[in-house]
Amino acid sequence: MPETIQQNLPLALVGLLIVFAVLSVIALVISLIRQLDEKWRHQEKIQTAQALDREPTVDNTTLVLVAAAAATVLRGRYRITSIRRLMPTDHKRSPWTAQGRSQLQGSHVVERKR
């Protein structure tokens, strides 16, 4: 019996070393991912702060018109959280994109509150 223990002890030690090596690699990968996540969150905070400091690109007249259109369609309380242009003003619009956009927007059904 002591001979089998003596023969199998190196195999058990190698198995333990492999397990701890793999666990160490997993811990290292997790810590790297955490550091990358913290870096990305910091960059997002900086970008958010810069976005809030920018001058708004939508003038007040357009904002009032969008709010009036939303009030007409929804007939109730609403909150506009963001407005953005689909394409830059200096960009040429192709008939393909215009047709695709009209079909996509026409397929959405907005339920009206009564």
PDB file of N, CA and C in Angstrom:
ATOM      1  N   MET A   1       0.817  -1.196   0.000  1.00  0.00           N
ATOM      2  CA  MET A   1       0.000   0.000   0.000  1.00  0.00           C
ATOM      3  C   MET A   1       0.860   1.259   0.000  1.00  0.00           C
ATOM      4  N   PRO A   2       1.914   1.332   0.829  1.00  0.00           N
ATOM      5  CA  PRO A   2       2.747   2.535   0.786  1.00  0.00           C
ATOM      6  C   PRO A   2       3.399   2.731  -0.570  1.00  0.00           C
ATOM      7  N   GLU A   3       3.611   1.633  -1.308  1.00  0.00           N
ATOM      8  CA  GLU A   3       4.227   1.780  -2.621  1.00  0.00           C
ATOM      9  C   GLU A   3       3.282   2.496  -3.588  1.00  0.00           C
ATOM     10  N   THR A   4       1.984   2.231  -3.531  1.00  0.00           N
ATOM     11  CA  THR A   4       1.041   2.888  -4.438  1.00  0.00           C
ATOM     12  C   THR A   4       0.907   4.369  -4.095  1.00  0.00           C
ATOM     13  N   ILE A   5       0.959   4.688  -2.805  1.00  0.00           N
ATOM     14  CA  ILE A   5       0.914   6.100  -2.400  1.00  0.00           C
ATOM     15  C   ILE A   5       2.158   6.804  -2.911  1.00  0.00           C
ATOM     16  N   GLN A   6       3.284   6.158  -2.771  1.00  0.00           N
ATOM     17  CA  GLN A   6       4.540   6.747  -3.215  1.00  0.00           C
ATOM     18  C   GLN A   6       4.560   6.897  -4.736  1.00  0.00           C
ATOM     19  N   GLN A   7       3.939   6.006  -5.442  1.00  0.00           N
ATOM     20  CA  GLN A   7       3.902   6.099  -6.898  1.00  0.00           C
ATOM     21  C   GLN A   7       2.909   7.164  -7.376  1.00  0.00           C
ATOM     22  N   ASN A   8       1.812   7.322  -6.655  1.00  0.00           N
ATOM     23  CA  ASN A   8       0.752   8.235  -7.089  1.00  0.00           C
ATOM     24  C   ASN A   8       0.906   9.653  -6.542  1.00  0.00           C
ATOM     25  N   LEU A   9       1.774   9.865  -5.590  1.00  0.00           N
ATOM     26  CA  LEU A   9       1.962  11.188  -5.000  1.00  0.00           C
ATOM     27  C   LEU A   9       2.430  12.216  -6.036  1.00  0.00           C
ATOM     28  N   PRO A  10       3.400  11.908  -6.895  1.00  0.00           N
ATOM     29  CA  PRO A  10       3.784  12.906  -7.913  1.00  0.00           C
ATOM     30  C   PRO A  10       2.636  13.261  -8.859  1.00  0.00           C
ATOM     31  N   LEU A  11       1.814  12.292  -9.202  1.00  0.00           N
ATOM     32  CA  LEU A  11       0.671  12.558 -10.073  1.00  0.00           C
ATOM     33  C   LEU A  11      -0.326  13.495  -9.388  1.00  0.00           C
ATOM     34  N   ALA A  12      -0.571  13.273  -8.110  1.00  0.00           N
ATOM     35  CA  ALA A  12      -1.487  14.134  -7.361  1.00  0.00           C
ATOM     36  C   ALA A  12      -0.930  15.551  -7.250  1.00  0.00           C
ATOM     37  N   LEU A  13       0.377  15.671  -7.009  1.00  0.00           N
ATOM     38  CA  LEU A  13       0.989  16.997  -6.902  1.00  0.00           C
ATOM     39  C   LEU A  13       0.935  17.738  -8.242  1.00  0.00           C
ATOM     40  N   VAL A  14       1.183  17.035  -9.329  1.00  0.00           N
ATOM     41  CA  VAL A  14       1.096  17.656 -10.655  1.00  0.00           C
ATOM     42  C   VAL A  14      -0.338  18.112 -10.921  1.00  0.00           C
ATOM     43  N   GLY A  15      -1.304  17.310 -10.539  1.00  0.00           N
ATOM     44  CA  GLY A  15      -2.712  17.687 -10.705  1.00  0.00           C
ATOM     45  C   GLY A  15      -3.048  18.940  -9.917  1.00  0.00           C
ATOM     46  N   LEU A  16      -2.570  19.011  -8.661  1.00  0.00           N
ATOM     47  CA  LEU A  16      -2.803  20.202  -7.843  1.00  0.00           C
ATOM     48  C   LEU A  16      -2.144  21.431  -8.461  1.00  0.00           C
ATOM     49  N   LEU A  17      -0.930  21.274  -8.952  1.00  0.00           N
ATOM     50  CA  LEU A  17      -0.239  22.403  -9.579  1.00  0.00           C
ATOM     51  C   LEU A  17      -0.988  22.891 -10.820  1.00  0.00           C
ATOM     52  N   ILE A  18      -1.494  21.969 -11.601  1.00  0.00           N
ATOM     53  CA  ILE A  18      -2.253  22.356 -12.795  1.00  0.00           C
ATOM     54  C   ILE A  18      -3.521  23.109 -12.407  1.00  0.00           C
ATOM     55  N   VAL A  19      -4.221  22.616 -11.400  1.00  0.00           N
ATOM     56  CA  VAL A  19      -5.453  23.276 -10.953  1.00  0.00           C
ATOM     57  C   VAL A  19      -5.153  24.683 -10.463  1.00  0.00           C
ATOM     58  N   PHE A  20      -4.122  24.845  -9.635  1.00  0.00           N
ATOM     59  CA  PHE A  20      -3.794  26.171  -9.118  1.00  0.00           C
ATOM     60  C   PHE A  20      -3.279  27.097 -10.223  1.00  0.00           C
ATOM     61  N   ALA A  21      -2.578  26.544 -11.195  1.00  0.00           N
ATOM     62  CA  ALA A  21      -2.118  27.368 -12.317  1.00  0.00           C
ATOM     63  C   ALA A  21      -3.304  27.884 -13.128  1.00  0.00           C
ATOM     64  N   VAL A  22      -4.265  27.024 -13.392  1.00  0.00           N
ATOM     65  CA  VAL A  22      -5.451  27.441 -14.144  1.00  0.00           C
ATOM     66  C   VAL A  22      -6.258  28.457 -13.347  1.00  0.00           C
ATOM     67  N   LEU A  23      -6.405  28.241 -12.048  1.00  0.00           N
ATOM     68  CA  LEU A  23      -7.116  29.210 -11.210  1.00  0.00           C
ATOM     69  C   LEU A  23      -6.404  30.560 -11.207  1.00  0.00           C
ATOM     70  N   SER A  24      -5.088  30.548 -11.195  1.00  0.00           N
ATOM     71  CA  SER A  24      -4.322  31.798 -11.241  1.00  0.00           C
ATOM     72  C   SER A  24      -4.544  32.522 -12.564  1.00  0.00           C
ATOM     73  N   VAL A  25      -4.570  31.780 -13.651  1.00  0.00           N
ATOM     74  CA  VAL A  25      -4.818  32.395 -14.960  1.00  0.00           C
ATOM     75  C   VAL A  25      -6.219  32.996 -15.010  1.00  0.00           C
ATOM     76  N   ILE A  26      -7.195  32.282 -14.481  1.00  0.00           N
ATOM     77  CA  ILE A  26      -8.569  32.796 -14.456  1.00  0.00           C
ATOM     78  C   ILE A  26      -8.646  34.068 -13.618  1.00  0.00           C
ATOM     79  N   ALA A  27      -7.998  34.078 -12.456  1.00  0.00           N
ATOM     80  CA  ALA A  27      -7.993  35.273 -11.608  1.00  0.00           C
ATOM     81  C   ALA A  27      -7.320  36.441 -12.316  1.00  0.00           C
ATOM     82  N   LEU A  28      -6.255  36.176 -13.040  1.00  0.00           N
ATOM     83  CA  LEU A  28      -5.555  37.224 -13.779  1.00  0.00           C
ATOM     84  C   LEU A  28      -6.445  37.800 -14.881  1.00  0.00           C
ATOM     85  N   VAL A  29      -7.132  36.942 -15.605  1.00  0.00           N
ATOM     86  CA  VAL A  29      -8.024  37.405 -16.668  1.00  0.00           C
ATOM     87  C   VAL A  29      -9.158  38.244 -16.091  1.00  0.00           C
ATOM     88  N   ILE A  30      -9.717  37.810 -14.976  1.00  0.00           N
ATOM     89  CA  ILE A  30     -10.802  38.565 -14.347  1.00  0.00           C
ATOM     90  C   ILE A  30     -10.316  39.930 -13.885  1.00  0.00           C
ATOM     91  N   SER A  31      -9.123  39.998 -13.311  1.00  0.00           N
ATOM     92  CA  SER A  31      -8.607  41.295 -12.862  1.00  0.00           C
ATOM     93  C   SER A  31      -8.315  42.211 -14.049  1.00  0.00           C
ATOM     94  N   LEU A  32      -7.833  41.655 -15.161  1.00  0.00           N
ATOM     95  CA  LEU A  32      -7.607  42.470 -16.357  1.00  0.00           C
ATOM     96  C   LEU A  32      -8.919  43.007 -16.919  1.00  0.00           C
ATOM     97  N   ILE A  33      -9.935  42.172 -16.934  1.00  0.00           N
ATOM     98  CA  ILE A  33     -11.242  42.617 -17.414  1.00  0.00           C
ATOM     99  C   ILE A  33     -11.792  43.713 -16.506  1.00  0.00           C
ATOM    100  N   ARG A  34     -11.602  43.575 -15.200  1.00  0.00           N
ATOM    101  CA  ARG A  34     -12.072  44.598 -14.265  1.00  0.00           C
ATOM    102  C   ARG A  34     -11.365  45.921 -14.516  1.00  0.00           C
ATOM    103  N   GLN A  35     -10.048  45.873 -14.735  1.00  0.00           N
ATOM    104  CA  GLN A  35      -9.295  47.097 -15.002  1.00  0.00           C
ATOM    105  C   GLN A  35      -9.738  47.741 -16.311  1.00  0.00           C
ATOM    106  N   LEU A  36      -9.973  46.929 -17.333  1.00  0.00           N
ATOM    107  CA  LEU A  36     -10.467  47.470 -18.595  1.00  0.00           C
ATOM    108  C   LEU A  36     -11.845  48.100 -18.427  1.00  0.00           C
ATOM    109  N   ASP A  37     -12.693  47.459 -17.642  1.00  0.00           N
ATOM    110  CA  ASP A  37     -14.028  47.991 -17.405  1.00  0.00           C
ATOM    111  C   ASP A  37     -13.954  49.330 -16.681  1.00  0.00           C
ATOM    112  N   GLU A  38     -13.086  49.433 -15.687  1.00  0.00           N
ATOM    113  CA  GLU A  38     -12.932  50.706 -14.982  1.00  0.00           C
ATOM    114  C   GLU A  38     -12.423  51.787 -15.926  1.00  0.00           C
ATOM    115  N   LYS A  39     -11.517  51.429 -16.804  1.00  0.00           N
ATOM    116  CA  LYS A  39     -10.984  52.390 -17.780  1.00  0.00           C
ATOM    117  C   LYS A  39     -12.091  52.851 -18.721  1.00  0.00           C
ATOM    118  N   TRP A  40     -12.899  51.914 -19.208  1.00  0.00           N
ATOM    119  CA  TRP A  40     -13.992  52.268 -20.112  1.00  0.00           C
ATOM    120  C   TRP A  40     -15.035  53.129 -19.408  1.00  0.00           C
ATOM    121  N   ARG A  41     -15.339  52.812 -18.159  1.00  0.00           N
ATOM    122  CA  ARG A  41     -16.307  53.627 -17.414  1.00  0.00           C
ATOM    123  C   ARG A  41     -15.786  55.047 -17.218  1.00  0.00           C
ATOM    124  N   HIS A  42     -14.496  55.168 -16.951  1.00  0.00           N
ATOM    125  CA  HIS A  42     -13.899  56.496 -16.790  1.00  0.00           C
ATOM    126  C   HIS A  42     -13.996  57.274 -18.102  1.00  0.00           C
ATOM    127  N   GLN A  43     -13.725  56.611 -19.223  1.00  0.00           N
ATOM    128  CA  GLN A  43     -13.840  57.269 -20.524  1.00  0.00           C
ATOM    129  C   GLN A  43     -15.280  57.666 -20.818  1.00  0.00           C
ATOM    130  N   GLU A  44     -16.236  56.830 -20.436  1.00  0.00           N
ATOM    131  CA  GLU A  44     -17.644  57.160 -20.638  1.00  0.00           C
ATOM    132  C   GLU A  44     -18.044  58.370 -19.812  1.00  0.00           C
ATOM    133  N   LYS A  45     -17.551  58.462 -18.574  1.00  0.00           N
ATOM    134  CA  LYS A  45     -17.855  59.624 -17.744  1.00  0.00           C
ATOM    135  C   LYS A  45     -17.304  60.893 -18.377  1.00  0.00           C
ATOM    136  N   ILE A  46     -16.093  60.807 -18.908  1.00  0.00           N
ATOM    137  CA  ILE A  46     -15.489  61.974 -19.557  1.00  0.00           C
ATOM    138  C   ILE A  46     -16.302  62.363 -20.791  1.00  0.00           C
ATOM    139  N   GLN A  47     -16.698  61.382 -21.601  1.00  0.00           N
ATOM    140  CA  GLN A  47     -17.480  61.673 -22.800  1.00  0.00           C
ATOM    141  C   GLN A  47     -18.845  62.243 -22.446  1.00  0.00           C
ATOM    142  N   THR A  48     -19.459  61.733 -21.383  1.00  0.00           N
ATOM    143  CA  THR A  48     -20.750  62.255 -20.956  1.00  0.00           C
ATOM    144  C   THR A  48     -20.618  63.697 -20.497  1.00  0.00           C
ATOM    145  N   ALA A  49     -19.570  63.981 -19.737  1.00  0.00           N
ATOM    146  CA  ALA A  49     -19.347  65.354 -19.281  1.00  0.00           C
ATOM    147  C   ALA A  49     -19.105  66.284 -20.464  1.00  0.00           C
ATOM    148  N   GLN A  50     -18.360  65.826 -21.453  1.00  0.00           N
ATOM    149  CA  GLN A  50     -18.115  66.645 -22.635  1.00  0.00           C
ATOM    150  C   GLN A  50     -19.397  66.839 -23.440  1.00  0.00           C
ATOM    151  N   ALA A  51     -20.236  65.814 -23.498  1.00  0.00           N
ATOM    152  CA  ALA A  51     -21.487  65.927 -24.247  1.00  0.00           C
ATOM    153  C   ALA A  51     -22.432  66.920 -23.582  1.00  0.00           C
ATOM    154  N   LEU A  52     -22.426  66.976 -22.258  1.00  0.00           N
ATOM    155  CA  LEU A  52     -23.293  67.918 -21.559  1.00  0.00           C
ATOM    156  C   LEU A  52     -22.806  69.349 -21.708  1.00  0.00           C
ATOM    157  N   ASP A  53     -21.518  69.525 -21.922  1.00  0.00           N
ATOM    158  CA  ASP A  53     -20.961  70.864 -22.070  1.00  0.00           C
ATOM    159  C   ASP A  53     -21.129  71.417 -23.482  1.00  0.00           C
ATOM    160  N   ARG A  54     -21.460  70.572 -24.445  1.00  0.00           N
ATOM    161  CA  ARG A  54     -21.593  71.020 -25.827  1.00  0.00           C
ATOM    162  C   ARG A  54     -22.826  71.888 -26.007  1.00  0.00           C
ATOM    163  N   GLU A  55     -22.764  72.694 -27.037  1.00  0.00           N
ATOM    164  CA  GLU A  55     -23.904  73.526 -27.426  1.00  0.00           C
ATOM    165  C   GLU A  55     -24.956  72.636 -28.090  1.00  0.00           C
ATOM    166  N   PRO A  56     -26.247  72.815 -27.774  1.00  0.00           N
ATOM    167  CA  PRO A  56     -27.266  71.972 -28.402  1.00  0.00           C
ATOM    168  C   PRO A  56     -27.320  72.208 -29.906  1.00  0.00           C
ATOM    169  N   THR A  57     -27.539  71.140 -30.662  1.00  0.00           N
ATOM    170  CA  THR A  57     -27.565  71.241 -32.122  1.00  0.00           C
ATOM    171  C   THR A  57     -28.969  71.471 -32.665  1.00  0.00           C
ATOM    172  N   VAL A  58     -29.975  71.330 -31.827  1.00  0.00           N
ATOM    173  CA  VAL A  58     -31.353  71.535 -32.261  1.00  0.00           C
ATOM    174  C   VAL A  58     -31.801  72.896 -31.753  1.00  0.00           C
ATOM    175  N   ASP A  59     -32.288  73.735 -32.660  1.00  0.00           N
ATOM    176  CA  ASP A  59     -32.727  75.063 -32.232  1.00  0.00           C
ATOM    177  C   ASP A  59     -34.092  74.972 -31.550  1.00  0.00           C
ATOM    178  N   ASN A  60     -34.492  76.054 -30.908  1.00  0.00           N
ATOM    179  CA  ASN A  60     -35.727  76.052 -30.117  1.00  0.00           C
ATOM    180  C   ASN A  60     -36.969  75.868 -30.983  1.00  0.00           C
ATOM    181  N   THR A  61     -36.952  76.396 -32.196  1.00  0.00           N
ATOM    182  CA  THR A  61     -38.111  76.253 -33.076  1.00  0.00           C
ATOM    183  C   THR A  61     -38.353  74.786 -33.417  1.00  0.00           C
ATOM    184  N   THR A  62     -37.301  74.079 -33.750  1.00  0.00           N
ATOM    185  CA  THR A  62     -37.431  72.652 -34.060  1.00  0.00           C
ATOM    186  C   THR A  62     -37.901  71.879 -32.835  1.00  0.00           C
ATOM    187  N   LEU A  63     -37.390  72.239 -31.686  1.00  0.00           N
ATOM    188  CA  LEU A  63     -37.787  71.571 -30.449  1.00  0.00           C
ATOM    189  C   LEU A  63     -39.271  71.775 -30.167  1.00  0.00           C
ATOM    190  N   VAL A  64     -39.759  72.997 -30.365  1.00  0.00           N
ATOM    191  CA  VAL A  64     -41.180  73.279 -30.149  1.00  0.00           C
ATOM    192  C   VAL A  64     -42.034  72.506 -31.151  1.00  0.00           C
ATOM    193  N   LEU A  65     -41.592  72.429 -32.397  1.00  0.00           N
ATOM    194  CA  LEU A  65     -42.356  71.695 -33.406  1.00  0.00           C
ATOM    195  C   LEU A  65     -42.412  70.198 -33.101  1.00  0.00           C
ATOM    196  N   VAL A  66     -41.320  69.634 -32.646  1.00  0.00           N
ATOM    197  CA  VAL A  66     -41.306  68.210 -32.286  1.00  0.00           C
ATOM    198  C   VAL A  66     -42.208  67.962 -31.080  1.00  0.00           C
ATOM    199  N   ALA A  67     -42.161  68.859 -30.100  1.00  0.00           N
ATOM    200  CA  ALA A  67     -43.017  68.709 -28.922  1.00  0.00           C
ATOM    201  C   ALA A  67     -44.488  68.823 -29.307  1.00  0.00           C
ATOM    202  N   ALA A  68     -44.818  69.744 -30.211  1.00  0.00           N
ATOM    203  CA  ALA A  68     -46.205  69.888 -30.657  1.00  0.00           C
ATOM    204  C   ALA A  68     -46.661  68.652 -31.426  1.00  0.00           C
ATOM    205  N   ALA A  69     -45.790  68.097 -32.252  1.00  0.00           N
ATOM    206  CA  ALA A  69     -46.149  66.879 -32.991  1.00  0.00           C
ATOM    207  C   ALA A  69     -46.373  65.713 -32.036  1.00  0.00           C
ATOM    208  N   ALA A  70     -45.535  65.593 -31.019  1.00  0.00           N
ATOM    209  CA  ALA A  70     -45.708  64.515 -30.036  1.00  0.00           C
ATOM    210  C   ALA A  70     -47.008  64.698 -29.266  1.00  0.00           C
ATOM    211  N   ALA A  71     -47.329  65.938 -28.913  1.00  0.00           N
ATOM    212  CA  ALA A  71     -48.573  66.197 -28.185  1.00  0.00           C
ATOM    213  C   ALA A  71     -49.787  65.878 -29.048  1.00  0.00           C
ATOM    214  N   THR A  72     -49.701  66.164 -30.339  1.00  0.00           N
ATOM    215  CA  THR A  72     -50.813  65.886 -31.245  1.00  0.00           C
ATOM    216  C   THR A  72     -51.033  64.383 -31.402  1.00  0.00           C
ATOM    217  N   VAL A  73     -49.953  63.641 -31.547  1.00  0.00           N
ATOM    218  CA  VAL A  73     -50.078  62.200 -31.778  1.00  0.00           C
ATOM    219  C   VAL A  73     -50.470  61.472 -30.502  1.00  0.00           C
ATOM    220  N   LEU A  74     -49.855  61.807 -29.392  1.00  0.00           N
ATOM    221  CA  LEU A  74     -50.058  61.041 -28.161  1.00  0.00           C
ATOM    222  C   LEU A  74     -51.268  61.497 -27.357  1.00  0.00           C
ATOM    223  N   ARG A  75     -51.677  62.735 -27.503  1.00  0.00           N
ATOM    224  CA  ARG A  75     -52.837  63.280 -26.793  1.00  0.00           C
ATOM    225  C   ARG A  75     -52.773  63.019 -25.296  1.00  0.00           C
ATOM    226  N   GLY A  76     -51.714  63.364 -24.698  1.00  0.00           N
ATOM    227  CA  GLY A  76     -51.590  63.171 -23.256  1.00  0.00           C
ATOM    228  C   GLY A  76     -50.225  63.608 -22.781  1.00  0.00           C
ATOM    229  N   ARG A  77     -49.882  63.149 -21.611  1.00  0.00           N
ATOM    230  CA  ARG A  77     -48.586  63.505 -21.039  1.00  0.00           C
ATOM    231  C   ARG A  77     -47.486  62.708 -21.714  1.00  0.00           C
ATOM    232  N   TYR A  78     -46.380  63.354 -21.929  1.00  0.00           N
ATOM    233  CA  TYR A  78     -45.248  62.712 -22.570  1.00  0.00           C
ATOM    234  C   TYR A  78     -43.983  63.403 -22.103  1.00  0.00           C
ATOM    235  N   ARG A  79     -42.874  62.781 -22.359  1.00  0.00           N
ATOM    236  CA  ARG A  79     -41.577  63.374 -22.047  1.00  0.00           C
ATOM    237  C   ARG A  79     -40.628  63.062 -23.196  1.00  0.00           C
ATOM    238  N   ILE A  80     -40.075  64.102 -23.786  1.00  0.00           N
ATOM    239  CA  ILE A  80     -39.089  63.929 -24.850  1.00  0.00           C
ATOM    240  C   ILE A  80     -37.732  63.835 -24.184  1.00  0.00           C
ATOM    241  N   THR A  81     -37.085  62.687 -24.316  1.00  0.00           N
ATOM    242  CA  THR A  81     -35.789  62.496 -23.654  1.00  0.00           C
ATOM    243  C   THR A  81     -34.620  62.869 -24.539  1.00  0.00           C
ATOM    244  N   SER A  82     -34.758  62.693 -25.839  1.00  0.00           N
ATOM    245  CA  SER A  82     -33.659  63.073 -26.726  1.00  0.00           C
ATOM    246  C   SER A  82     -34.186  63.283 -28.133  1.00  0.00           C
ATOM    247  N   ILE A  83     -33.505  64.162 -28.827  1.00  0.00           N
ATOM    248  CA  ILE A  83     -33.797  64.415 -30.233  1.00  0.00           C
ATOM    249  C   ILE A  83     -32.463  64.376 -30.953  1.00  0.00           C
ATOM    250  N   ARG A  84     -32.418  63.639 -32.035  1.00  0.00           N
ATOM    251  CA  ARG A  84     -31.180  63.606 -32.811  1.00  0.00           C
ATOM    252  C   ARG A  84     -31.523  63.511 -34.286  1.00  0.00           C
ATOM    253  N   ARG A  85     -30.640  64.046 -35.084  1.00  0.00           N
ATOM    254  CA  ARG A  85     -30.830  63.992 -36.527  1.00  0.00           C
ATOM    255  C   ARG A  85     -30.453  62.600 -37.025  1.00  0.00           C
ATOM    256  N   LEU A  86     -31.195  62.119 -38.011  1.00  0.00           N
ATOM    257  CA  LEU A  86     -30.862  60.829 -38.590  1.00  0.00           C
ATOM    258  C   LEU A  86     -29.645  60.936 -39.484  1.00  0.00           C
ATOM    259  N   MET A  87     -29.514  62.055 -40.171  1.00  0.00           N
ATOM    260  CA  MET A  87     -28.377  62.275 -41.055  1.00  0.00           C
ATOM    261  C   MET A  87     -27.913  63.717 -40.886  1.00  0.00           C
ATOM    262  N   PRO A  88     -26.646  63.985 -41.106  1.00  0.00           N
ATOM    263  CA  PRO A  88     -26.174  65.367 -41.044  1.00  0.00           C
ATOM    264  C   PRO A  88     -26.880  66.226 -42.094  1.00  0.00           C
ATOM    265  N   THR A  89     -26.969  67.522 -41.831  1.00  0.00           N
ATOM    266  CA  THR A  89     -27.693  68.407 -42.742  1.00  0.00           C
ATOM    267  C   THR A  89     -26.992  68.548 -44.083  1.00  0.00           C
ATOM    268  N   ASP A  90     -25.681  68.419 -44.130  1.00  0.00           N
ATOM    269  CA  ASP A  90     -24.953  68.577 -45.385  1.00  0.00           C
ATOM    270  C   ASP A  90     -24.817  67.266 -46.166  1.00  0.00           C
ATOM    271  N   HIS A  91     -25.396  66.197 -45.679  1.00  0.00           N
ATOM    272  CA  HIS A  91     -25.281  64.873 -46.296  1.00  0.00           C
ATOM    273  C   HIS A  91     -26.365  64.713 -47.359  1.00  0.00           C
ATOM    274  N   LYS A  92     -25.998  64.181 -48.520  1.00  0.00           N
ATOM    275  CA  LYS A  92     -26.982  63.918 -49.567  1.00  0.00           C
ATOM    276  C   LYS A  92     -27.813  62.701 -49.190  1.00  0.00           C
ATOM    277  N   ARG A  93     -29.096  62.803 -49.411  1.00  0.00           N
ATOM    278  CA  ARG A  93     -29.975  61.680 -49.112  1.00  0.00           C
ATOM    279  C   ARG A  93     -30.257  60.911 -50.394  1.00  0.00           C
ATOM    280  N   SER A  94     -30.108  59.625 -50.311  1.00  0.00           N
ATOM    281  CA  SER A  94     -30.411  58.813 -51.484  1.00  0.00           C
ATOM    282  C   SER A  94     -31.864  58.352 -51.405  1.00  0.00           C
ATOM    283  N   PRO A  95     -32.479  58.080 -52.531  1.00  0.00           N
ATOM    284  CA  PRO A  95     -33.863  57.591 -52.511  1.00  0.00           C
ATOM    285  C   PRO A  95     -34.006  56.264 -51.770  1.00  0.00           C
ATOM    286  N   TRP A  96     -32.956  55.452 -51.782  1.00  0.00           N
ATOM    287  CA  TRP A  96     -33.014  54.159 -51.092  1.00  0.00           C
ATOM    288  C   TRP A  96     -33.162  54.356 -49.593  1.00  0.00           C
ATOM    289  N   THR A  97     -32.354  55.236 -49.027  1.00  0.00           N
ATOM    290  CA  THR A  97     -32.437  55.442 -47.579  1.00  0.00           C
ATOM    291  C   THR A  97     -33.742  56.114 -47.199  1.00  0.00           C
ATOM    292  N   ALA A  98     -34.217  57.052 -48.028  1.00  0.00           N
ATOM    293  CA  ALA A  98     -35.481  57.724 -47.726  1.00  0.00           C
ATOM    294  C   ALA A  98     -36.640  56.732 -47.751  1.00  0.00           C
ATOM    295  N   GLN A  99     -36.670  55.860 -48.752  1.00  0.00           N
ATOM    296  CA  GLN A  99     -37.737  54.870 -48.850  1.00  0.00           C
ATOM    297  C   GLN A  99     -37.667  53.870 -47.698  1.00  0.00           C
ATOM    298  N   GLY A 100     -36.472  53.410 -47.379  1.00  0.00           N
ATOM    299  CA  GLY A 100     -36.325  52.468 -46.265  1.00  0.00           C
ATOM    300  C   GLY A 100     -36.756  53.075 -44.949  1.00  0.00           C
ATOM    301  N   ARG A 101     -36.388  54.337 -44.739  1.00  0.00           N
ATOM    302  CA  ARG A 101     -36.766  55.004 -43.501  1.00  0.00           C
ATOM    303  C   ARG A 101     -38.275  55.212 -43.425  1.00  0.00           C
ATOM    304  N   SER A 102     -38.900  55.573 -44.535  1.00  0.00           N
ATOM    305  CA  SER A 102     -40.348  55.785 -44.506  1.00  0.00           C
ATOM    306  C   SER A 102     -41.088  54.470 -44.244  1.00  0.00           C
ATOM    307  N   GLN A 103     -40.596  53.372 -44.798  1.00  0.00           N
ATOM    308  CA  GLN A 103     -41.231  52.080 -44.526  1.00  0.00           C
ATOM    309  C   GLN A 103     -41.044  51.668 -43.072  1.00  0.00           C
ATOM    310  N   LEU A 104     -39.850  51.900 -42.543  1.00  0.00           N
ATOM    311  CA  LEU A 104     -39.584  51.524 -41.161  1.00  0.00           C
ATOM    312  C   LEU A 104     -40.428  52.346 -40.200  1.00  0.00           C
ATOM    313  N   GLN A 105     -40.498  53.645 -40.427  1.00  0.00           N
ATOM    314  CA  GLN A 105     -41.270  54.497 -39.530  1.00  0.00           C
ATOM    315  C   GLN A 105     -42.764  54.259 -39.691  1.00  0.00           C
ATOM    316  N   GLY A 106     -43.194  53.882 -40.888  1.00  0.00           N
ATOM    317  CA  GLY A 106     -44.602  53.600 -41.107  1.00  0.00           C
ATOM    318  C   GLY A 106     -45.043  52.284 -40.498  1.00  0.00           C
ATOM    319  N   SER A 107     -44.108  51.399 -40.226  1.00  0.00           N
ATOM    320  CA  SER A 107     -44.470  50.100 -39.667  1.00  0.00           C
ATOM    321  C   SER A 107     -44.682  50.152 -38.158  1.00  0.00           C
ATOM    322  N   HIS A 108     -44.252  51.218 -37.522  1.00  0.00           N
ATOM    323  CA  HIS A 108     -44.409  51.337 -36.073  1.00  0.00           C
ATOM    324  C   HIS A 108     -45.814  51.860 -35.761  1.00  0.00           C
ATOM    325  N   VAL A 109     -46.445  51.249 -34.819  1.00  0.00           N
ATOM    326  CA  VAL A 109     -47.780  51.667 -34.423  1.00  0.00           C
ATOM    327  C   VAL A 109     -47.676  52.337 -33.059  1.00  0.00           C
ATOM    328  N   VAL A 110     -48.155  53.568 -32.995  1.00  0.00           N
ATOM    329  CA  VAL A 110     -48.152  54.303 -31.736  1.00  0.00           C
ATOM    330  C   VAL A 110     -49.569  54.278 -31.198  1.00  0.00           C
ATOM    331  N   GLU A 111     -49.739  53.721 -30.010  1.00  0.00           N
ATOM    332  CA  GLU A 111     -51.061  53.664 -29.411  1.00  0.00           C
ATOM    333  C   GLU A 111     -51.405  55.019 -28.827  1.00  0.00           C
ATOM    334  N   ARG A 112     -52.607  55.456 -29.093  1.00  0.00           N
ATOM    335  CA  ARG A 112     -53.047  56.755 -28.605  1.00  0.00           C
ATOM    336  C   ARG A 112     -53.778  56.583 -27.290  1.00  0.00           C
ATOM    337  N   LYS A 113     -53.477  57.483 -26.367  1.00  0.00           N
ATOM    338  CA  LYS A 113     -54.192  57.474 -25.089  1.00  0.00           C
ATOM    339  C   LYS A 113     -55.489  58.252 -25.264  1.00  0.00           C
ATOM    340  N   ARG A 114     -56.539  57.737 -24.716  1.00  0.00           N
ATOM    341  CA  ARG A 114     -57.832  58.435 -24.854  1.00  0.00           C
ATOM    342  C   ARG A 114     -58.339  58.872 -23.525  1.00  0.00           C
TER     343      ARG A 114
END
